[in-house]
Amino acid sequence: MFIPLRDDNALKSIPFQYVTTALIAVNVLVYLFEVSGLDEGAIRSFGLNPRALMAGTFFSPPLPASEDAIPIAEGATLITYMFFHADIFHLIGNMLCGYSATTSRTPWGT
């Protein structure tokens, strides 16, 4: 597994990564919420189900016979699934790679 530790390119355009830091904080908070006692049905509610997503109206609520414990529009799961992680190592790995990728490059590729 590759974990970026440093980069020789100096960060020139953005002095502090506000958006990246906010996304890391949200991911950590969602993970803590996830491991604090959500049951499997509630977690499944936030996951992306391609069949359910394409079955009906894009932002319609789930069907009554759905296995979801929390009624969430299937279109919203295109966003919510990105914040759930399988375990602490999955979370740490994604956050390290994401932070390294956003701080080592500028939008102009320099």
N, C-alpha and C. Protein backbone atom coordinates (compact mmCIF):
# COMPACT_ATOMS: atom_id res chain seq x y z
N MET A 1 0.85 -1.17 0.00
CA MET A 1 0.00 0.00 0.00
C MET A 1 0.89 1.23 0.00
N PHE A 2 0.57 2.18 -0.84
CA PHE A 2 1.35 3.41 -0.95
C PHE A 2 0.71 4.50 -0.11
N ILE A 3 1.48 5.07 0.83
CA ILE A 3 1.00 6.19 1.63
C ILE A 3 1.96 7.35 1.41
N PRO A 4 1.50 8.43 0.80
CA PRO A 4 2.40 9.56 0.56
C PRO A 4 2.78 10.25 1.87
N LEU A 5 4.07 10.43 2.09
CA LEU A 5 4.55 11.04 3.32
C LEU A 5 4.94 12.50 3.14
N ARG A 6 5.49 12.85 2.00
CA ARG A 6 5.87 14.23 1.76
C ARG A 6 5.94 14.48 0.26
N ASP A 7 6.16 15.74 -0.07
CA ASP A 7 6.24 16.15 -1.47
C ASP A 7 7.26 17.27 -1.56
N ASP A 8 8.04 17.27 -2.63
CA ASP A 8 9.07 18.30 -2.80
C ASP A 8 8.52 19.60 -3.39
N ASN A 9 7.30 19.57 -3.89
CA ASN A 9 6.70 20.77 -4.48
C ASN A 9 6.14 21.65 -3.38
N ALA A 10 6.53 22.89 -3.40
CA ALA A 10 6.01 23.83 -2.40
C ALA A 10 4.59 24.25 -2.75
N LEU A 11 3.77 24.42 -1.74
CA LEU A 11 2.40 24.89 -1.94
C LEU A 11 2.45 26.39 -2.15
N LYS A 12 2.07 26.83 -3.34
CA LYS A 12 2.24 28.24 -3.68
C LYS A 12 0.94 29.02 -3.70
N SER A 13 -0.15 28.39 -4.06
CA SER A 13 -1.36 29.16 -4.33
C SER A 13 -2.31 29.26 -3.14
N ILE A 14 -2.35 28.28 -2.27
CA ILE A 14 -3.31 28.27 -1.18
C ILE A 14 -2.55 28.11 0.14
N PRO A 15 -2.59 29.10 1.03
CA PRO A 15 -1.83 28.99 2.27
C PRO A 15 -2.40 27.95 3.23
N PHE A 16 -3.69 27.75 3.26
CA PHE A 16 -4.30 26.74 4.14
C PHE A 16 -5.43 26.07 3.39
N GLN A 17 -5.50 24.77 3.48
CA GLN A 17 -6.50 23.98 2.76
C GLN A 17 -7.80 23.90 3.56
N TYR A 18 -8.62 24.93 3.49
CA TYR A 18 -9.86 24.97 4.27
C TYR A 18 -10.84 23.89 3.84
N VAL A 19 -11.04 23.72 2.56
CA VAL A 19 -12.02 22.74 2.07
C VAL A 19 -11.55 21.32 2.38
N THR A 20 -10.28 21.05 2.15
CA THR A 20 -9.75 19.72 2.44
C THR A 20 -9.85 19.39 3.91
N THR A 21 -9.48 20.35 4.76
CA THR A 21 -9.57 20.14 6.20
C THR A 21 -11.01 19.94 6.64
N ALA A 22 -11.94 20.69 6.06
CA ALA A 22 -13.36 20.53 6.39
C ALA A 22 -13.86 19.15 5.96
N LEU A 23 -13.45 18.68 4.77
CA LEU A 23 -13.87 17.35 4.31
C LEU A 23 -13.31 16.25 5.22
N ILE A 24 -12.07 16.40 5.66
CA ILE A 24 -11.50 15.42 6.58
C ILE A 24 -12.28 15.42 7.89
N ALA A 25 -12.61 16.61 8.40
CA ALA A 25 -13.37 16.69 9.65
C ALA A 25 -14.74 16.05 9.50
N VAL A 26 -15.42 16.29 8.39
CA VAL A 26 -16.75 15.69 8.16
C VAL A 26 -16.62 14.18 8.07
N ASN A 27 -15.61 13.69 7.37
CA ASN A 27 -15.42 12.23 7.25
C ASN A 27 -15.18 11.60 8.62
N VAL A 28 -14.37 12.24 9.45
CA VAL A 28 -14.10 11.71 10.79
C VAL A 28 -15.37 11.73 11.63
N LEU A 29 -16.13 12.82 11.57
CA LEU A 29 -17.38 12.90 12.34
C LEU A 29 -18.38 11.84 11.90
N VAL A 30 -18.51 11.63 10.58
CA VAL A 30 -19.43 10.60 10.08
C VAL A 30 -18.95 9.22 10.52
N TYR A 31 -17.64 8.98 10.50
CA TYR A 31 -17.13 7.68 10.95
C TYR A 31 -17.44 7.46 12.42
N LEU A 32 -17.23 8.50 13.25
CA LEU A 32 -17.53 8.37 14.68
C LEU A 32 -19.02 8.12 14.90
N PHE A 33 -19.86 8.78 14.11
CA PHE A 33 -21.30 8.56 14.17
C PHE A 33 -21.64 7.12 13.75
N GLU A 34 -20.94 6.65 12.73
CA GLU A 34 -21.18 5.29 12.20
C GLU A 34 -20.83 4.22 13.23
N VAL A 35 -19.70 4.36 13.91
CA VAL A 35 -19.27 3.33 14.86
C VAL A 35 -19.90 3.51 16.24
N SER A 36 -20.63 4.60 16.44
CA SER A 36 -21.23 4.85 17.75
C SER A 36 -22.48 4.01 18.01
N GLY A 37 -22.93 3.28 17.04
CA GLY A 37 -24.06 2.42 17.31
C GLY A 37 -25.13 2.39 16.23
N LEU A 38 -24.84 2.88 15.04
CA LEU A 38 -25.83 2.76 13.97
C LEU A 38 -25.99 1.29 13.59
N ASP A 39 -27.22 0.87 13.42
CA ASP A 39 -27.42 -0.51 13.00
C ASP A 39 -27.19 -0.63 11.49
N GLU A 40 -27.11 -1.85 11.01
CA GLU A 40 -26.78 -2.10 9.62
C GLU A 40 -27.81 -1.51 8.66
N GLY A 41 -29.08 -1.53 9.04
CA GLY A 41 -30.12 -0.96 8.19
C GLY A 41 -29.98 0.54 8.01
N ALA A 42 -29.58 1.23 9.08
CA ALA A 42 -29.38 2.67 8.98
C ALA A 42 -28.18 3.00 8.10
N ILE A 43 -27.11 2.24 8.25
CA ILE A 43 -25.93 2.46 7.40
C ILE A 43 -26.27 2.16 5.95
N ARG A 44 -27.04 1.11 5.71
CA ARG A 44 -27.45 0.76 4.36
C ARG A 44 -28.28 1.87 3.71
N SER A 45 -28.99 2.63 4.52
CA SER A 45 -29.81 3.73 4.00
C SER A 45 -28.97 4.78 3.30
N PHE A 46 -27.75 5.01 3.78
CA PHE A 46 -26.88 6.04 3.21
C PHE A 46 -26.03 5.52 2.06
N GLY A 47 -26.02 4.22 1.84
CA GLY A 47 -25.20 3.62 0.79
C GLY A 47 -25.83 3.76 -0.58
N LEU A 48 -24.99 3.70 -1.59
CA LEU A 48 -25.44 3.82 -2.98
C LEU A 48 -25.87 2.45 -3.49
N ASN A 49 -27.11 2.37 -3.95
CA ASN A 49 -27.64 1.16 -4.54
C ASN A 49 -28.00 1.48 -5.99
N PRO A 50 -27.17 1.08 -6.96
CA PRO A 50 -27.41 1.46 -8.35
C PRO A 50 -28.78 1.02 -8.88
N ARG A 51 -29.24 -0.15 -8.47
CA ARG A 51 -30.53 -0.63 -8.95
C ARG A 51 -31.66 0.28 -8.46
N ALA A 52 -31.63 0.64 -7.19
CA ALA A 52 -32.66 1.53 -6.64
C ALA A 52 -32.53 2.94 -7.22
N LEU A 53 -31.31 3.36 -7.48
CA LEU A 53 -31.08 4.69 -8.03
C LEU A 53 -31.68 4.83 -9.42
N MET A 54 -31.55 3.80 -10.24
CA MET A 54 -32.03 3.86 -11.62
C MET A 54 -33.47 3.36 -11.78
N ALA A 55 -34.05 2.82 -10.72
CA ALA A 55 -35.37 2.21 -10.84
C ALA A 55 -36.50 3.23 -10.96
N GLY A 56 -36.37 4.37 -10.33
CA GLY A 56 -37.49 5.31 -10.32
C GLY A 56 -37.03 6.73 -10.54
N THR A 57 -37.83 7.62 -10.02
CA THR A 57 -37.50 9.03 -10.10
C THR A 57 -36.23 9.28 -9.29
N PHE A 58 -35.39 10.13 -9.81
CA PHE A 58 -34.05 10.32 -9.25
C PHE A 58 -34.06 10.73 -7.79
N PHE A 59 -34.87 11.70 -7.42
CA PHE A 59 -34.89 12.17 -6.04
C PHE A 59 -36.15 11.76 -5.29
N SER A 60 -36.76 10.68 -5.70
CA SER A 60 -37.95 10.20 -4.99
C SER A 60 -37.54 9.45 -3.74
N PRO A 61 -38.39 9.44 -2.72
CA PRO A 61 -38.06 8.68 -1.51
C PRO A 61 -38.05 7.18 -1.81
N PRO A 62 -37.40 6.38 -0.98
CA PRO A 62 -37.35 4.94 -1.23
C PRO A 62 -38.74 4.31 -1.17
N LEU A 63 -38.85 3.17 -1.79
CA LEU A 63 -40.11 2.45 -1.80
C LEU A 63 -40.44 1.94 -0.40
N PRO A 64 -41.72 1.76 -0.08
CA PRO A 64 -42.09 1.29 1.27
C PRO A 64 -41.51 -0.07 1.62
N ALA A 65 -41.27 -0.91 0.65
CA ALA A 65 -40.74 -2.25 0.91
C ALA A 65 -39.22 -2.27 0.96
N SER A 66 -38.60 -1.10 0.97
CA SER A 66 -37.15 -1.00 0.96
C SER A 66 -36.57 -1.51 2.28
N GLU A 67 -35.32 -1.98 2.24
CA GLU A 67 -34.63 -2.46 3.43
C GLU A 67 -34.01 -1.32 4.22
N ASP A 68 -34.10 -0.10 3.72
CA ASP A 68 -33.50 1.05 4.39
C ASP A 68 -34.25 1.38 5.68
N ALA A 69 -33.49 1.65 6.73
CA ALA A 69 -34.09 2.00 8.02
C ALA A 69 -34.45 3.48 8.08
N ILE A 70 -33.73 4.29 7.31
CA ILE A 70 -33.97 5.73 7.28
C ILE A 70 -34.35 6.10 5.85
N PRO A 71 -35.51 6.73 5.64
CA PRO A 71 -35.91 7.06 4.27
C PRO A 71 -35.10 8.23 3.72
N ILE A 72 -34.23 7.93 2.77
CA ILE A 72 -33.39 8.93 2.11
C ILE A 72 -33.60 8.79 0.61
N ALA A 73 -33.73 9.93 -0.07
CA ALA A 73 -33.89 9.89 -1.53
C ALA A 73 -32.67 9.23 -2.15
N GLU A 74 -32.89 8.39 -3.15
CA GLU A 74 -31.80 7.65 -3.77
C GLU A 74 -30.79 8.58 -4.42
N GLY A 75 -31.22 9.71 -4.93
CA GLY A 75 -30.29 10.67 -5.52
C GLY A 75 -29.33 11.23 -4.49
N ALA A 76 -29.76 11.36 -3.25
CA ALA A 76 -28.90 11.89 -2.19
C ALA A 76 -27.79 10.90 -1.82
N THR A 77 -28.00 9.63 -2.10
CA THR A 77 -26.96 8.64 -1.77
C THR A 77 -25.74 8.79 -2.66
N LEU A 78 -25.85 9.55 -3.76
CA LEU A 78 -24.67 9.84 -4.59
C LEU A 78 -23.66 10.66 -3.80
N ILE A 79 -24.11 11.37 -2.79
CA ILE A 79 -23.22 12.16 -1.93
C ILE A 79 -22.92 11.40 -0.63
N THR A 80 -23.94 10.86 0.01
CA THR A 80 -23.76 10.30 1.35
C THR A 80 -22.84 9.08 1.38
N TYR A 81 -22.80 8.28 0.32
CA TYR A 81 -21.98 7.07 0.35
C TYR A 81 -20.49 7.39 0.45
N MET A 82 -20.08 8.58 0.01
CA MET A 82 -18.66 8.93 0.00
C MET A 82 -18.10 9.19 1.39
N PHE A 83 -18.96 9.36 2.39
CA PHE A 83 -18.49 9.69 3.72
C PHE A 83 -18.44 8.49 4.66
N PHE A 84 -18.82 7.31 4.19
CA PHE A 84 -18.79 6.11 5.03
C PHE A 84 -17.55 5.29 4.71
N HIS A 85 -16.91 4.76 5.76
CA HIS A 85 -15.69 3.98 5.61
C HIS A 85 -15.84 2.67 6.37
N ALA A 86 -15.17 1.63 5.89
CA ALA A 86 -15.31 0.29 6.46
C ALA A 86 -14.68 0.18 7.85
N ASP A 87 -13.50 0.75 8.04
CA ASP A 87 -12.84 0.69 9.34
C ASP A 87 -11.90 1.89 9.47
N ILE A 88 -11.20 1.96 10.59
CA ILE A 88 -10.35 3.12 10.87
C ILE A 88 -9.19 3.20 9.89
N PHE A 89 -8.67 2.07 9.43
CA PHE A 89 -7.55 2.08 8.49
C PHE A 89 -7.99 2.59 7.12
N HIS A 90 -9.20 2.25 6.71
CA HIS A 90 -9.77 2.75 5.47
C HIS A 90 -9.91 4.27 5.54
N LEU A 91 -10.41 4.76 6.66
CA LEU A 91 -10.57 6.20 6.86
C LEU A 91 -9.22 6.92 6.84
N ILE A 92 -8.26 6.42 7.61
CA ILE A 92 -6.94 7.07 7.68
C ILE A 92 -6.25 7.06 6.32
N GLY A 93 -6.30 5.94 5.63
CA GLY A 93 -5.67 5.85 4.31
C GLY A 93 -6.28 6.83 3.31
N ASN A 94 -7.60 6.92 3.28
CA ASN A 94 -8.25 7.86 2.36
C ASN A 94 -7.93 9.31 2.72
N MET A 95 -7.91 9.62 4.00
CA MET A 95 -7.65 11.00 4.41
C MET A 95 -6.20 11.40 4.15
N LEU A 96 -5.25 10.50 4.37
CA LEU A 96 -3.84 10.80 4.07
C LEU A 96 -3.63 11.01 2.58
N CYS A 97 -4.16 10.12 1.78
CA CYS A 97 -3.99 10.26 0.33
C CYS A 97 -4.71 11.49 -0.19
N GLY A 98 -5.90 11.76 0.30
CA GLY A 98 -6.64 12.94 -0.14
C GLY A 98 -5.96 14.23 0.24
N TYR A 99 -5.44 14.31 1.46
CA TYR A 99 -4.76 15.52 1.90
C TYR A 99 -3.46 15.73 1.12
N SER A 100 -2.73 14.64 0.92
CA SER A 100 -1.47 14.73 0.17
C SER A 100 -1.72 15.15 -1.28
N ALA A 101 -2.75 14.61 -1.89
CA ALA A 101 -3.05 14.94 -3.28
C ALA A 101 -3.48 16.40 -3.44
N THR A 102 -4.23 16.92 -2.48
CA THR A 102 -4.70 18.29 -2.63
C THR A 102 -3.66 19.32 -2.22
N THR A 103 -2.72 18.97 -1.38
CA THR A 103 -1.72 19.95 -0.98
C THR A 103 -0.49 19.92 -1.87
N SER A 104 -0.32 18.89 -2.67
CA SER A 104 0.88 18.80 -3.49
C SER A 104 0.66 19.33 -4.90
N ARG A 105 -0.57 19.65 -5.27
CA ARG A 105 -0.85 20.12 -6.62
C ARG A 105 -1.70 21.38 -6.57
N THR A 106 -1.51 22.21 -7.55
CA THR A 106 -2.38 23.36 -7.71
C THR A 106 -3.30 23.08 -8.89
N PRO A 107 -4.35 23.85 -9.06
CA PRO A 107 -5.25 23.60 -10.20
C PRO A 107 -4.57 23.73 -11.56
N TRP A 108 -3.40 24.39 -11.60
CA TRP A 108 -2.73 24.59 -12.87
C TRP A 108 -1.66 23.56 -13.13
N GLY A 109 -1.52 22.57 -12.23
CA GLY A 109 -0.60 21.47 -12.46
C GLY A 109 0.85 21.80 -12.16
N THR A 110 1.14 22.87 -11.43
CA THR A 110 2.54 23.20 -11.13
C THR A 110 2.86 22.84 -9.70
